[in-house]
Every structure is written in C-alpha cells, then in structure tokens.
Amino acid sequence: MMEIRHLVTFITIVEHEGFTKAAEHLGYAQSTITLHIKALEEEIDYPLFDRIGKRVILTETGKKLLPHAQKMLDLYHMIKEVTAAQGELTGNIVISIGETLLIYRFPPIIEEFKKLHPHVNIEWHQLDSVYYKENLMQGKSDISFMLGTEVHDPNLYSEKLAEEPMMLLYPNSFELQRDIVRSNLLFTERGCGYRTLFEQCIEEYQIGITSNIEFWSIEAVKQSILSGMGISLLPRITVEKELKEEKLSGQQYKQNLATQLLYPKNKWISPQVEAFIEIVRKHAALW
C-alpha cells in the first residue's frame, strides 16, 4: 500500500520542480527522496518522472497519479483532524490574500483567531490575481481573499463579504477641473483589480497623461499622492485616515469592488479553516 510520506515526496517534487529543492523543503537527504520515488514506481510498476538533463518531467503515469495523490493526502489530513484531541484545533492553514486586505481588514481577525486557536499555524501567501484559481485548484492555498470584481466560476465557491468603495485620489493642491487635463498617473502593478478600474476611470474622465508611474505596493502609491506626485484610484479603506485628517483629497468613483472569500467547491474544508472563516464573517458583518 502506498505510504503517505512517499506521496508527500512525490507532490513536493512536482511543486518544487526537482528532487534537490524537494529534499531541501522536506529536510531529507536527496537519497531519501530518490528511495521514496523508487518505492512508488515499484508499487505501480511504471516510472513517474523522466530525467532530461537537470530537469525532471512527469511521465504520463505521473500526470495521472498526481490528482489522486493529492486527494489521498487530503483524505489523510481529514482523518488526522477527526482523530485529533477534542476541543483543541491544531494544524495549518494556507491563505492567499491581497496586500490591501491583509493590512487594512485582517489584523483584528488574525488577533482574535490566534487568541482562540493558538496552536493553528497560518501561512500567508501574496494573492496572484492572475493565477489565484490555479493555486486554489492545485491545493497551494486552502482559501483566498480577493478585492476585485466579483468572481463567478462553477468550480469555485465565492462569497462576497463587503462592498469596497473606490476613490479617485489627488493631492490637496490639485484642482480637479484644471489639473486633471494632464496628470501623472500612479498605477499599481499589472493584474491588480483596481488598476483595471483606474484605466476605465481615465477614459471616462478624459484624463490627460503626463507620465505613468507603476508601483509594487498600495502604500507606495498612497505616499506618492500625499507628496503631490500624481493621482490614482484606490480602495477607500486604504485612505480613511488621510481623508479624515484632510491630508489628501478625493471623490468616490461610481463603481465599487468587492472583498470576496474563495475556495474550491469540492474541496474538504478542515475544522481550522472553518473556524477562521467564521471569524472573518463575524468581522465582515461590521465592515
């Protein structure tokens, strides 16, 4: 019968694209990794990897085994959760989330969850707005939280947690009617949901362009607006404090985005993930 540790090794080699990196990730000697795969290949009587130079590529058998191996691993974790000590949640949660939500929405959620469930480890991944579905379906994340246009996908459970007003933001010295004709446009990175909305806003307002400046973070965009560098479109939650203190100016854009919870429809949800989602929903009701 296939051993769980062998399946873990197999999946890790695929995820890390090689025996050496898998060994480093799992803390094994490379010879142990090789023995695990050899045992799997002997059991199914077919090779799982082709070695081409320094690369390892899944054989057709390996490709067919991969989704079943992941299901078996999920089932194993489910059994472990069921047989764990009652009343004390343990284990891991892998969450992919956008920068804005992690900074401006989730600190009190994390604080409450860790107080209630101190033995659950949370691994945070930066949400990839292009490959978020692929990451969820491949099990790289248990759940995702996205701020963007609403997701409608037959393979994903999608729950809107809150409407997020969007603000066209500019320095206090900026006179909208006069200065919007030609402005420095401060963009977030490509693929970001509100970058697309900003591009739409530019066309509607017929904003002239002096130059485009692209930033890797929301905070960098916000600080650049405060310094008078240009204008941008950001979620209101990122600038509540600055608007209240009148450090910058802005007006609400006609279209909102949504904060959403996402996970695969057919995936088993562990007790620790369910507990986390419950706390998120409680806080989201007050957003």
Protein backbone atom coordinates (compact mmCIF):
# COMPACT_ATOMS: atom_id res chain seq x y z
CA MET A 1 0.00 0.00 0.00
CA MET A 2 1.26 3.47 -0.86
CA GLU A 3 2.81 5.30 2.08
CA ILE A 4 1.69 8.87 2.79
CA ARG A 5 5.29 10.09 3.14
CA HIS A 6 6.03 8.78 -0.38
CA LEU A 7 3.05 10.66 -1.78
CA VAL A 8 4.13 13.81 0.06
CA THR A 9 7.57 13.47 -1.51
CA PHE A 10 6.05 12.95 -4.98
CA ILE A 11 3.82 16.03 -4.71
CA THR A 12 6.67 18.14 -3.30
CA ILE A 13 8.96 17.24 -6.22
CA VAL A 14 6.25 18.38 -8.63
CA GLU A 15 5.58 21.63 -6.72
CA HIS A 16 9.29 22.49 -6.35
CA GLU A 17 10.26 21.22 -9.81
CA GLY A 18 13.09 18.96 -8.75
CA PHE A 19 14.50 16.39 -6.35
CA THR A 20 17.07 18.74 -4.80
CA LYS A 21 14.61 21.51 -3.93
CA ALA A 22 12.11 18.95 -2.63
CA ALA A 23 14.80 17.49 -0.36
CA GLU A 24 15.62 20.97 0.96
CA HIS A 25 11.95 21.74 1.56
CA LEU A 26 11.23 18.45 3.35
CA GLY A 27 14.54 18.32 5.24
CA TYR A 28 15.50 14.97 3.73
CA ALA A 29 18.73 13.76 2.19
CA GLN A 30 18.41 13.56 -1.58
CA SER A 31 18.99 9.79 -1.38
CA THR A 32 15.83 9.53 0.78
CA ILE A 33 13.82 11.40 -1.84
CA THR A 34 15.11 9.02 -4.51
CA LEU A 35 14.19 5.97 -2.39
CA HIS A 36 10.65 7.29 -1.84
CA ILE A 37 10.07 7.73 -5.56
CA LYS A 38 11.67 4.37 -6.37
CA ALA A 39 9.28 2.70 -3.90
CA LEU A 40 6.27 4.39 -5.55
CA GLU A 41 7.46 3.44 -9.04
CA GLU A 42 7.98 -0.19 -7.98
CA GLU A 43 4.50 -0.31 -6.47
CA ILE A 44 2.71 0.96 -9.58
CA ASP A 45 5.26 -0.68 -11.93
CA TYR A 46 5.72 2.48 -14.04
CA PRO A 47 8.18 5.39 -13.94
CA LEU A 48 6.81 8.68 -12.59
CA PHE A 49 9.49 11.08 -13.84
CA ASP A 50 11.63 11.48 -16.93
CA ARG A 51 15.07 12.92 -16.18
CA ILE A 52 16.14 15.23 -19.00
CA GLY A 53 19.46 16.81 -18.16
CA LYS A 54 18.97 18.56 -14.82
CA ARG A 55 15.20 18.69 -15.25
CA VAL A 56 12.62 16.21 -14.05
CA ILE A 57 9.37 15.98 -16.00
CA LEU A 58 6.27 13.98 -15.13
CA THR A 59 5.60 10.94 -17.28
CA GLU A 60 2.04 10.28 -18.43
CA THR A 61 1.67 7.93 -15.47
CA GLY A 62 2.96 10.63 -13.14
CA LYS A 63 0.44 13.11 -14.53
CA LYS A 64 -2.40 10.65 -13.94
CA LEU A 65 -1.22 9.86 -10.40
CA LEU A 66 -0.85 13.50 -9.28
CA PRO A 67 -4.54 14.42 -8.71
CA HIS A 68 -5.19 11.08 -6.99
CA ALA A 69 -2.16 11.56 -4.76
CA GLN A 70 -3.46 14.99 -3.74
CA LYS A 71 -6.90 13.52 -2.93
CA MET A 72 -5.32 10.77 -0.85
CA LEU A 73 -3.28 13.37 1.04
CA ASP A 74 -6.41 15.46 1.65
CA LEU A 75 -8.20 12.36 2.94
CA TYR A 76 -5.27 11.57 5.24
CA HIS A 77 -5.36 15.09 6.70
CA MET A 78 -9.12 14.79 7.18
CA ILE A 79 -8.70 11.53 9.10
CA LYS A 80 -5.99 13.12 11.24
CA GLU A 81 -8.29 16.03 12.06
CA VAL A 82 -11.15 13.69 13.01
CA THR A 83 -8.93 11.63 15.30
CA ALA A 84 -7.18 14.65 16.88
CA ALA A 85 -7.75 15.57 20.51
CA GLN A 86 -11.18 17.08 21.07
CA GLY A 87 -11.59 20.77 21.85
CA GLU A 88 -8.15 21.91 20.63
CA LEU A 89 -7.66 22.91 17.00
CA THR A 90 -4.24 22.23 15.53
CA GLY A 91 -2.78 22.03 12.05
CA ASN A 92 -2.08 24.55 9.31
CA ILE A 93 -3.97 26.98 7.12
CA VAL A 94 -2.54 28.35 3.87
CA ILE A 95 -4.21 31.64 2.93
CA SER A 96 -3.61 33.73 -0.18
CA ILE A 97 -4.64 37.36 0.22
CA GLY A 98 -4.08 40.75 -1.35
CA GLU A 99 -1.91 43.38 0.35
CA THR A 100 -4.78 45.80 0.94
CA LEU A 101 -6.95 43.29 2.79
CA LEU A 102 -4.08 41.92 4.86
CA ILE A 103 -3.09 45.41 6.04
CA TYR A 104 -6.45 47.13 6.40
CA ARG A 105 -9.02 44.39 7.09
CA PHE A 106 -7.35 41.38 8.66
CA PRO A 107 -5.21 42.43 11.68
CA PRO A 108 -8.13 42.20 14.17
CA ILE A 109 -9.25 38.91 12.58
CA ILE A 110 -5.77 37.43 12.97
CA GLU A 111 -5.54 38.66 16.56
CA GLU A 112 -8.87 37.06 17.54
CA PHE A 113 -8.14 33.79 15.76
CA LYS A 114 -4.71 33.38 17.40
CA LYS A 115 -6.20 34.02 20.84
CA LEU A 116 -8.86 31.35 20.29
CA HIS A 117 -6.69 28.84 18.42
CA PRO A 118 -3.03 29.40 19.36
CA HIS A 119 -1.88 26.00 18.06
CA VAL A 120 -3.00 26.58 14.47
CA ASN A 121 -0.27 27.82 12.14
CA ILE A 122 -1.21 30.26 9.37
CA GLU A 123 0.91 30.56 6.25
CA TRP A 124 0.22 33.74 4.27
CA HIS A 125 0.79 33.92 0.51
CA GLN A 126 0.58 37.01 -1.69
CA LEU A 127 -2.55 36.67 -3.82
CA ASP A 128 -1.79 36.32 -7.51
CA SER A 129 -4.74 37.97 -9.24
CA VAL A 130 -3.97 36.07 -12.46
CA TYR A 131 -3.31 32.57 -11.11
CA TYR A 132 -5.47 32.57 -7.95
CA LYS A 133 -7.84 29.90 -9.35
CA GLU A 134 -5.00 27.63 -10.43
CA ASN A 135 -3.39 27.95 -6.98
CA LEU A 136 -6.66 27.06 -5.24
CA MET A 137 -7.45 24.11 -7.50
CA GLN A 138 -3.92 22.70 -7.11
CA GLY A 139 -4.13 22.96 -3.32
CA LYS A 140 -1.39 25.60 -2.98
CA SER A 141 -3.84 27.66 -0.90
CA ASP A 142 -6.72 26.48 1.28
CA ILE A 143 -8.69 29.71 0.87
CA SER A 144 -8.23 33.06 -0.83
CA PHE A 145 -9.43 36.58 -0.07
CA MET A 146 -9.60 38.92 -3.04
CA LEU A 147 -10.54 42.56 -3.52
CA GLY A 148 -11.75 42.94 -7.08
CA THR A 149 -14.65 42.38 -9.44
CA GLU A 150 -16.98 39.60 -8.34
CA VAL A 151 -15.88 36.09 -9.29
CA HIS A 152 -18.41 33.76 -10.91
CA ASP A 153 -16.82 30.38 -11.57
CA PRO A 154 -18.60 26.99 -11.49
CA ASN A 155 -15.57 25.37 -9.82
CA LEU A 156 -15.16 27.93 -7.05
CA TYR A 157 -17.24 28.85 -4.02
CA SER A 158 -17.37 32.64 -3.99
CA GLU A 159 -18.83 34.71 -1.16
CA LYS A 160 -18.98 38.50 -1.20
CA LEU A 161 -18.03 39.76 2.24
CA ALA A 162 -18.23 43.51 1.63
CA GLU A 163 -18.65 46.24 -0.97
CA GLU A 164 -15.48 48.33 -1.21
CA PRO A 165 -15.92 51.96 -2.37
CA MET A 166 -13.20 53.18 -4.71
CA MET A 167 -11.77 56.70 -4.56
CA LEU A 168 -10.18 58.87 -7.23
CA LEU A 169 -7.45 60.46 -5.12
CA TYR A 170 -5.32 63.55 -5.65
CA PRO A 171 -3.19 66.00 -3.63
CA ASN A 172 -4.92 68.82 -1.70
CA SER A 173 -3.25 71.35 -4.02
CA PHE A 174 -4.87 69.68 -7.01
CA GLU A 175 -7.81 71.47 -8.67
CA LEU A 176 -9.78 68.71 -10.35
CA GLN A 177 -11.25 70.65 -13.27
CA ARG A 178 -7.97 72.38 -14.05
CA ASP A 179 -5.29 69.82 -13.28
CA ILE A 180 -6.98 66.61 -14.41
CA VAL A 181 -6.34 67.58 -18.03
CA ARG A 182 -2.74 66.44 -17.69
CA SER A 183 -1.63 64.41 -14.69
CA ASN A 184 0.95 61.90 -13.52
CA LEU A 185 -0.92 58.61 -13.22
CA LEU A 186 0.17 56.40 -10.33
CA PHE A 187 -0.59 52.75 -11.10
CA THR A 188 -0.49 49.60 -9.06
CA GLU A 189 1.12 46.58 -10.75
CA ARG A 190 -0.48 44.91 -13.77
CA GLY A 191 -3.19 42.38 -12.97
CA CYS A 192 -4.38 44.29 -9.91
CA GLY A 193 -8.19 44.62 -9.93
CA TYR A 194 -8.26 48.33 -9.26
CA ARG A 195 -5.60 49.09 -11.86
CA THR A 196 -8.11 47.93 -14.48
CA LEU A 197 -10.77 50.14 -12.89
CA PHE A 198 -8.39 53.12 -12.89
CA GLU A 199 -7.78 52.64 -16.61
CA GLN A 200 -11.55 52.73 -17.10
CA CYS A 201 -11.78 55.88 -14.98
CA ILE A 202 -9.06 57.58 -17.06
CA GLU A 203 -11.11 57.09 -20.22
CA GLU A 204 -14.34 58.33 -18.62
CA TYR A 205 -12.78 61.46 -17.14
CA GLN A 206 -10.71 62.01 -20.29
CA ILE A 207 -7.64 62.43 -18.14
CA GLY A 208 -4.57 63.60 -19.98
CA ILE A 209 -1.30 61.83 -19.24
CA THR A 210 1.98 63.49 -18.29
CA SER A 211 3.57 60.18 -17.34
CA ASN A 212 2.70 56.72 -15.97
CA ILE A 213 4.44 55.53 -12.83
CA GLU A 214 3.95 51.93 -11.71
CA PHE A 215 4.38 50.85 -8.09
CA TRP A 216 4.62 47.46 -6.39
CA SER A 217 2.53 48.39 -3.34
CA ILE A 218 -0.55 50.34 -2.28
CA GLU A 219 1.43 52.19 0.37
CA ALA A 220 3.91 53.44 -2.23
CA VAL A 221 1.04 54.78 -4.36
CA LYS A 222 -0.60 56.48 -1.36
CA GLN A 223 2.60 58.15 -0.19
CA SER A 224 3.25 59.41 -3.73
CA ILE A 225 -0.20 61.04 -3.85
CA LEU A 226 0.46 62.67 -0.45
CA SER A 227 3.74 64.07 -1.75
CA GLY A 228 1.94 65.66 -4.73
CA MET A 229 3.39 63.34 -7.37
CA GLY A 230 0.10 62.50 -9.11
CA ILE A 231 -3.34 60.87 -8.92
CA SER A 232 -4.64 57.32 -8.56
CA LEU A 233 -7.67 55.15 -7.83
CA LEU A 234 -7.54 53.20 -4.56
CA PRO A 235 -9.97 51.47 -2.17
CA ARG A 236 -11.37 53.90 0.38
CA ILE A 237 -10.23 51.68 3.26
CA THR A 238 -6.59 52.46 2.37
CA VAL A 239 -7.03 56.22 2.84
CA GLU A 240 -9.75 56.61 5.53
CA LYS A 241 -7.27 58.14 7.99
CA GLU A 242 -5.73 60.55 5.46
CA LEU A 243 -9.13 61.73 4.19
CA LYS A 244 -10.36 62.31 7.74
CA GLU A 245 -7.23 64.30 8.59
CA GLU A 246 -7.57 66.19 5.27
CA LYS A 247 -4.10 65.22 4.13
CA LEU A 248 -5.36 64.46 0.63
CA SER A 249 -8.50 64.91 -1.46
CA GLY A 250 -10.69 62.63 -3.48
CA GLN A 251 -14.10 61.70 -4.78
CA GLN A 252 -15.85 58.36 -4.83
CA TYR A 253 -15.86 56.55 -8.14
CA LYS A 254 -19.21 55.29 -9.43
CA GLN A 255 -18.19 51.59 -9.36
CA ASN A 256 -17.37 49.59 -6.23
CA LEU A 257 -15.29 46.44 -5.98
CA ALA A 258 -15.90 43.52 -3.62
CA THR A 259 -13.98 41.73 -0.92
CA GLN A 260 -14.55 38.02 -1.55
CA LEU A 261 -13.85 34.66 0.03
CA LEU A 262 -12.90 31.92 -2.45
CA TYR A 263 -12.22 28.19 -2.26
CA PRO A 264 -12.77 25.13 -4.49
CA LYS A 265 -16.35 23.82 -4.34
CA ASN A 266 -15.43 20.15 -3.99
CA LYS A 267 -12.58 20.59 -1.52
CA TRP A 268 -12.90 19.32 2.05
CA ILE A 269 -12.74 22.24 4.47
CA SER A 270 -10.79 21.45 7.64
CA PRO A 271 -12.08 22.49 11.09
CA GLN A 272 -9.37 25.14 11.46
CA VAL A 273 -10.27 26.69 8.11
CA GLU A 274 -13.97 26.67 9.05
CA ALA A 275 -13.11 28.38 12.35
CA PHE A 276 -11.12 31.04 10.52
CA ILE A 277 -13.92 31.67 8.02
CA GLU A 278 -16.43 32.02 10.87
CA ILE A 279 -14.35 34.78 12.48
CA VAL A 280 -13.91 36.52 9.12
CA ARG A 281 -17.69 36.56 8.57
CA LYS A 282 -18.27 38.00 12.05
CA HIS A 283 -15.89 40.89 11.37
CA ALA A 284 -17.11 41.39 7.79
CA ALA A 285 -20.64 42.00 9.08
CA LEU A 286 -19.30 45.21 10.64
CA TRP A 287 -17.34 46.43 7.61
